[in-house]
Amino acid sequence: EHAYDLFLPCSQQMADWCHAMGVPHDKIITVLNAPSFERPVRRLNWRPEAKKSAGRKMRVMYLGRLDRQKGLERLIGIVDATSAAKMDIEWRLIGKQVMSWDAPPLPDHIARMVEPSLTTPEALEKAFSWADVFVLPSYYEGLPLTILEAMRAGVVPIATDAGAVTDVVHSWQNGVVLSQTGTVAEAVAALRRLEGDRTLLATLSETARNDMRHHNWDHATAPFAAHLDRMFAADRKAATRATEAQI
């Protein structure tokens, strides 16, 4: 700790951990993760009204790596359970396997659903604009950028209590938090409730969007930038005093 001037954790949870491990409070500046791209709203002509889901199937999306860390077998279980229950849901699964050695094989019916990974802000924004709900049944996480990007677009996150997810997702306020033990059953129950109550879905969507309204990198790094300004100002003042003393 003594070798570093500052620690910049990406979540309040990690900041608390750093302090518990002996890092002084005045060396910790939390720089919360923010969405990885700016919203190209003008190019897409996206409007909040486009999120209204009444009269159509609820659109549910997974976007990310198809690896064990992300809870791939849980995701398969959720998709299969909602299909067996004939829920009024339209699924999109977007991504690819990166660490396939540690992932369960994809059943044929799931493999046929998978779309290629998205690599541009425009493509990502279009996907989030399409979706009503974003499902992330991970075993472990930091603070996933996809959750922040989904919420910013008014997509309701349903995610496991992993890493710093609960720093931003508050269950049944702006999303749904799942336990690590009953993940599949809880996710299916949450999807059934939202599918049957589009007013609740719209309320959570609007709250998620409002919570992310000013959540960007300029806002996240402002305390760090202010600290650097004070630090450099002190250094310049000290240098000026040293020069004056020599004169």
Protein backbone atom coordinates (compact mmCIF):
# COMPACT_ATOMS: atom_id res chain seq x y z
CA GLU A 1 0.00 0.00 0.00
CA HIS A 2 2.78 2.44 0.87
CA ALA A 3 4.17 2.31 -2.69
CA TYR A 4 1.00 3.79 -4.22
CA ASP A 5 -0.56 7.22 -3.95
CA LEU A 6 -4.09 6.16 -4.87
CA PHE A 7 -6.32 3.13 -5.29
CA LEU A 8 -9.20 3.40 -7.78
CA PRO A 9 -11.64 0.52 -7.18
CA CYS A 10 -14.51 0.12 -9.66
CA SER A 11 -17.21 -0.36 -6.99
CA GLN A 12 -18.01 0.66 -3.44
CA GLN A 13 -17.82 -2.98 -2.44
CA MET A 14 -14.22 -3.16 -3.64
CA ALA A 15 -13.44 0.15 -1.94
CA ASP A 16 -14.66 -1.28 1.36
CA TRP A 17 -12.53 -4.38 0.79
CA CYS A 18 -9.42 -2.25 0.11
CA HIS A 19 -9.95 -0.34 3.35
CA ALA A 20 -10.52 -3.57 5.27
CA MET A 21 -7.16 -4.81 3.93
CA GLY A 22 -5.40 -1.75 5.39
CA VAL A 23 -5.53 0.92 2.68
CA PRO A 24 -6.21 4.34 4.29
CA HIS A 25 -9.48 6.04 3.34
CA ASP A 26 -7.65 9.06 1.89
CA LYS A 27 -5.91 6.82 -0.64
CA ILE A 28 -9.15 5.31 -1.95
CA ILE A 29 -11.21 7.04 -4.63
CA THR A 30 -14.05 4.94 -6.00
CA VAL A 31 -14.38 5.23 -9.78
CA LEU A 32 -17.59 3.34 -10.45
CA ASN A 33 -17.76 1.44 -13.73
CA ALA A 34 -19.80 3.20 -16.39
CA PRO A 35 -21.16 2.11 -19.78
CA SER A 36 -18.41 1.39 -22.29
CA PHE A 37 -19.87 3.53 -25.07
CA GLU A 38 -21.87 6.70 -25.50
CA ARG A 39 -25.42 6.27 -26.68
CA PRO A 40 -25.79 7.15 -30.38
CA VAL A 41 -29.35 8.35 -29.77
CA ARG A 42 -29.49 10.75 -32.69
CA ARG A 43 -28.28 8.13 -35.15
CA LEU A 44 -30.85 5.62 -33.95
CA ASN A 45 -33.67 8.12 -33.35
CA TRP A 46 -34.48 6.03 -30.23
CA ARG A 47 -37.49 7.09 -28.20
CA PRO A 48 -38.64 5.85 -24.75
CA GLU A 49 -42.05 4.98 -26.23
CA ALA A 50 -40.33 2.23 -28.22
CA LYS A 51 -39.93 0.31 -24.95
CA LYS A 52 -43.67 -0.19 -24.45
CA SER A 53 -44.27 -3.94 -24.37
CA ALA A 54 -48.07 -4.12 -24.13
CA GLY A 55 -49.66 -6.25 -26.82
CA ARG A 56 -46.53 -8.19 -27.78
CA LYS A 57 -44.24 -10.84 -26.38
CA MET A 58 -41.83 -9.74 -23.67
CA ARG A 59 -38.35 -9.53 -25.16
CA VAL A 60 -35.63 -11.14 -23.07
CA MET A 61 -31.94 -11.02 -23.95
CA TYR A 62 -28.65 -12.50 -22.83
CA LEU A 63 -25.55 -10.74 -24.15
CA GLY A 64 -22.05 -11.85 -23.20
CA ARG A 65 -19.62 -14.74 -23.12
CA LEU A 66 -21.16 -18.20 -23.17
CA ASP A 67 -18.86 -19.46 -20.43
CA ARG A 68 -19.30 -21.13 -17.06
CA GLN A 69 -18.55 -17.90 -15.16
CA LYS A 70 -21.62 -16.33 -16.74
CA GLY A 71 -23.81 -19.23 -15.58
CA LEU A 72 -24.27 -20.84 -18.99
CA GLU A 73 -26.00 -23.96 -17.70
CA ARG A 74 -28.30 -21.73 -15.62
CA LEU A 75 -29.13 -19.71 -18.73
CA ILE A 76 -29.96 -22.90 -20.62
CA GLY A 77 -32.20 -23.97 -17.73
CA ILE A 78 -34.01 -20.61 -17.70
CA VAL A 79 -34.62 -20.67 -21.46
CA ASP A 80 -35.87 -24.26 -21.35
CA ALA A 81 -38.13 -23.63 -18.35
CA THR A 82 -39.79 -20.57 -19.90
CA SER A 83 -40.27 -22.50 -23.13
CA ALA A 84 -41.80 -25.50 -21.33
CA ALA A 85 -44.15 -23.17 -19.46
CA LYS A 86 -45.16 -21.59 -22.81
CA MET A 87 -44.49 -18.13 -21.42
CA ASP A 88 -45.14 -15.21 -23.74
CA ILE A 89 -41.42 -14.50 -24.20
CA GLU A 90 -39.15 -13.90 -27.18
CA TRP A 91 -35.51 -14.76 -26.47
CA ARG A 92 -32.26 -13.51 -27.98
CA LEU A 93 -28.91 -15.07 -27.00
CA ILE A 94 -25.94 -13.04 -28.22
CA GLY A 95 -22.29 -13.99 -27.74
CA LYS A 96 -19.79 -16.79 -28.08
CA GLN A 97 -17.78 -19.24 -25.99
CA VAL A 98 -14.33 -17.92 -25.08
CA MET A 99 -13.29 -20.41 -22.40
CA SER A 100 -15.04 -23.41 -23.92
CA TRP A 101 -12.93 -25.89 -21.94
CA ASP A 102 -14.78 -24.81 -18.79
CA ALA A 103 -18.26 -24.50 -20.29
CA PRO A 104 -21.01 -27.08 -20.70
CA PRO A 105 -21.77 -28.04 -24.31
CA LEU A 106 -24.56 -26.12 -25.98
CA PRO A 107 -27.63 -28.23 -26.75
CA ASP A 108 -28.54 -28.07 -30.43
CA HIS A 109 -31.71 -26.06 -29.83
CA ILE A 110 -29.75 -23.47 -27.83
CA ALA A 111 -26.88 -23.36 -30.34
CA ARG A 112 -29.39 -22.54 -33.08
CA MET A 113 -30.60 -19.55 -31.08
CA VAL A 114 -27.15 -18.01 -30.53
CA GLU A 115 -26.33 -14.86 -32.51
CA PRO A 116 -22.75 -13.63 -33.17
CA SER A 117 -21.11 -11.26 -30.72
CA LEU A 118 -21.74 -7.54 -31.23
CA THR A 119 -18.68 -5.32 -31.56
CA THR A 120 -19.90 -1.78 -32.33
CA PRO A 121 -21.76 0.76 -30.21
CA GLU A 122 -24.48 0.99 -32.85
CA ALA A 123 -25.11 -2.76 -32.83
CA LEU A 124 -25.09 -2.94 -29.04
CA GLU A 125 -27.48 -0.03 -28.72
CA LYS A 126 -29.87 -1.58 -31.21
CA ALA A 127 -29.84 -4.82 -29.20
CA PHE A 128 -30.54 -3.01 -25.93
CA SER A 129 -33.25 -0.93 -27.59
CA TRP A 130 -34.93 -4.18 -28.72
CA ALA A 131 -34.94 -5.84 -25.29
CA ASP A 132 -37.27 -5.45 -22.32
CA VAL A 133 -35.28 -7.66 -19.92
CA PHE A 134 -31.60 -8.59 -19.64
CA VAL A 135 -30.71 -11.85 -17.87
CA LEU A 136 -27.25 -12.42 -16.33
CA PRO A 137 -27.07 -15.53 -14.09
CA SER A 138 -23.32 -15.29 -13.35
CA TYR A 139 -21.41 -17.14 -10.65
CA TYR A 140 -19.02 -14.24 -10.12
CA GLU A 141 -18.61 -10.72 -11.49
CA GLY A 142 -17.08 -7.32 -10.83
CA LEU A 143 -19.53 -4.60 -11.86
CA PRO A 144 -20.68 -5.74 -15.33
CA LEU A 145 -20.75 -3.03 -17.98
CA THR A 146 -23.57 -4.85 -19.76
CA ILE A 147 -25.87 -4.31 -16.77
CA LEU A 148 -25.11 -0.58 -16.79
CA GLU A 149 -25.63 -0.37 -20.55
CA ALA A 150 -28.89 -2.31 -20.31
CA MET A 151 -30.28 -0.15 -17.50
CA ARG A 152 -29.33 3.04 -19.36
CA ALA A 153 -31.51 1.84 -22.26
CA GLY A 154 -34.41 1.02 -19.93
CA VAL A 155 -33.80 -2.74 -20.03
CA VAL A 156 -34.68 -4.40 -16.72
CA PRO A 157 -31.76 -6.50 -15.41
CA ILE A 158 -32.34 -9.87 -13.77
CA ALA A 159 -28.96 -10.82 -12.33
CA THR A 160 -27.41 -12.94 -9.62
CA ASP A 161 -25.99 -11.42 -6.45
CA ALA A 162 -22.39 -11.55 -7.67
CA GLY A 163 -19.55 -9.08 -7.17
CA ALA A 164 -20.81 -5.51 -7.05
CA VAL A 165 -24.10 -6.14 -8.90
CA THR A 166 -26.10 -4.94 -5.89
CA ASP A 167 -24.25 -1.61 -6.00
CA VAL A 168 -26.56 -0.71 -8.89
CA VAL A 169 -29.37 -3.31 -9.08
CA HIS A 170 -31.97 -3.03 -6.32
CA SER A 171 -34.45 -5.89 -6.36
CA TRP A 172 -37.91 -4.99 -7.60
CA GLN A 173 -36.96 -1.31 -7.73
CA ASN A 174 -34.87 -1.09 -10.92
CA GLY A 175 -34.30 -4.80 -11.61
CA VAL A 176 -34.28 -8.18 -9.91
CA VAL A 177 -31.47 -9.74 -7.86
CA LEU A 178 -31.27 -13.54 -7.82
CA SER A 179 -29.62 -15.72 -5.18
CA GLN A 180 -26.74 -18.03 -6.03
CA THR A 181 -28.66 -21.08 -4.85
CA GLY A 182 -32.11 -20.83 -6.43
CA THR A 183 -31.06 -18.95 -9.54
CA VAL A 184 -33.05 -20.75 -12.24
CA ALA A 185 -36.32 -21.00 -10.30
CA GLU A 186 -36.08 -17.38 -9.13
CA ALA A 187 -35.31 -16.13 -12.65
CA VAL A 188 -38.27 -18.03 -14.11
CA ALA A 189 -40.56 -16.69 -11.38
CA ALA A 190 -39.35 -13.12 -12.01
CA LEU A 191 -39.86 -13.47 -15.76
CA ARG A 192 -43.36 -14.86 -15.21
CA ARG A 193 -44.25 -11.95 -12.94
CA LEU A 194 -42.92 -9.32 -15.36
CA GLU A 195 -44.50 -11.05 -18.36
CA GLY A 196 -47.86 -10.94 -16.60
CA ASP A 197 -47.53 -7.40 -15.23
CA ARG A 198 -46.41 -5.05 -17.97
CA THR A 199 -47.11 -2.03 -15.74
CA LEU A 200 -44.51 -3.31 -13.26
CA LEU A 201 -42.13 -3.98 -16.14
CA ALA A 202 -42.56 -0.38 -17.36
CA THR A 203 -42.02 0.99 -13.84
CA LEU A 204 -38.78 -0.93 -13.34
CA SER A 205 -37.64 0.07 -16.82
CA GLU A 206 -38.18 3.76 -16.16
CA THR A 207 -36.44 3.59 -12.77
CA ALA A 208 -33.46 1.76 -14.28
CA ARG A 209 -33.15 4.40 -17.00
CA ASN A 210 -33.39 7.25 -14.50
CA ASP A 211 -30.80 5.65 -12.22
CA MET A 212 -28.33 5.55 -15.12
CA ARG A 213 -29.23 8.96 -16.56
CA HIS A 214 -26.02 10.66 -15.39
CA HIS A 215 -23.93 7.52 -14.98
CA ASN A 216 -21.04 8.09 -17.40
CA TRP A 217 -17.27 8.19 -17.28
CA ASP A 218 -17.09 11.98 -16.87
CA HIS A 219 -19.26 11.71 -13.78
CA ALA A 220 -17.45 8.60 -12.49
CA THR A 221 -13.97 10.12 -12.80
CA ALA A 222 -14.83 13.61 -11.51
CA PRO A 223 -13.64 12.94 -7.90
CA PHE A 224 -10.39 11.47 -9.25
CA ALA A 225 -9.82 14.45 -11.55
CA ALA A 226 -10.48 16.88 -8.68
CA HIS A 227 -8.01 15.00 -6.48
CA LEU A 228 -5.33 15.19 -9.20
CA ASP A 229 -5.94 18.92 -9.57
CA ARG A 230 -5.41 19.42 -5.84
CA MET A 231 -2.34 17.17 -5.85
CA PHE A 232 -0.68 18.95 -8.77
CA ALA A 233 -1.57 22.37 -7.38
CA ALA A 234 0.16 21.44 -4.12
CA ASP A 235 3.20 20.19 -6.04
CA ARG A 236 3.39 23.43 -8.06
CA LYS A 237 3.09 25.51 -4.90
CA ALA A 238 5.86 23.51 -3.23
CA ALA A 239 8.08 23.92 -6.30
CA THR A 240 7.46 27.67 -6.35
CA ARG A 241 8.37 27.97 -2.68
CA ALA A 242 11.56 25.98 -3.24
CA THR A 243 12.55 28.24 -6.14
CA GLU A 244 11.85 31.39 -4.14
CA ALA A 245 13.90 30.05 -1.25
CA GLN A 246 16.88 29.49 -3.56
CA ILE A 247 16.60 33.04 -4.91
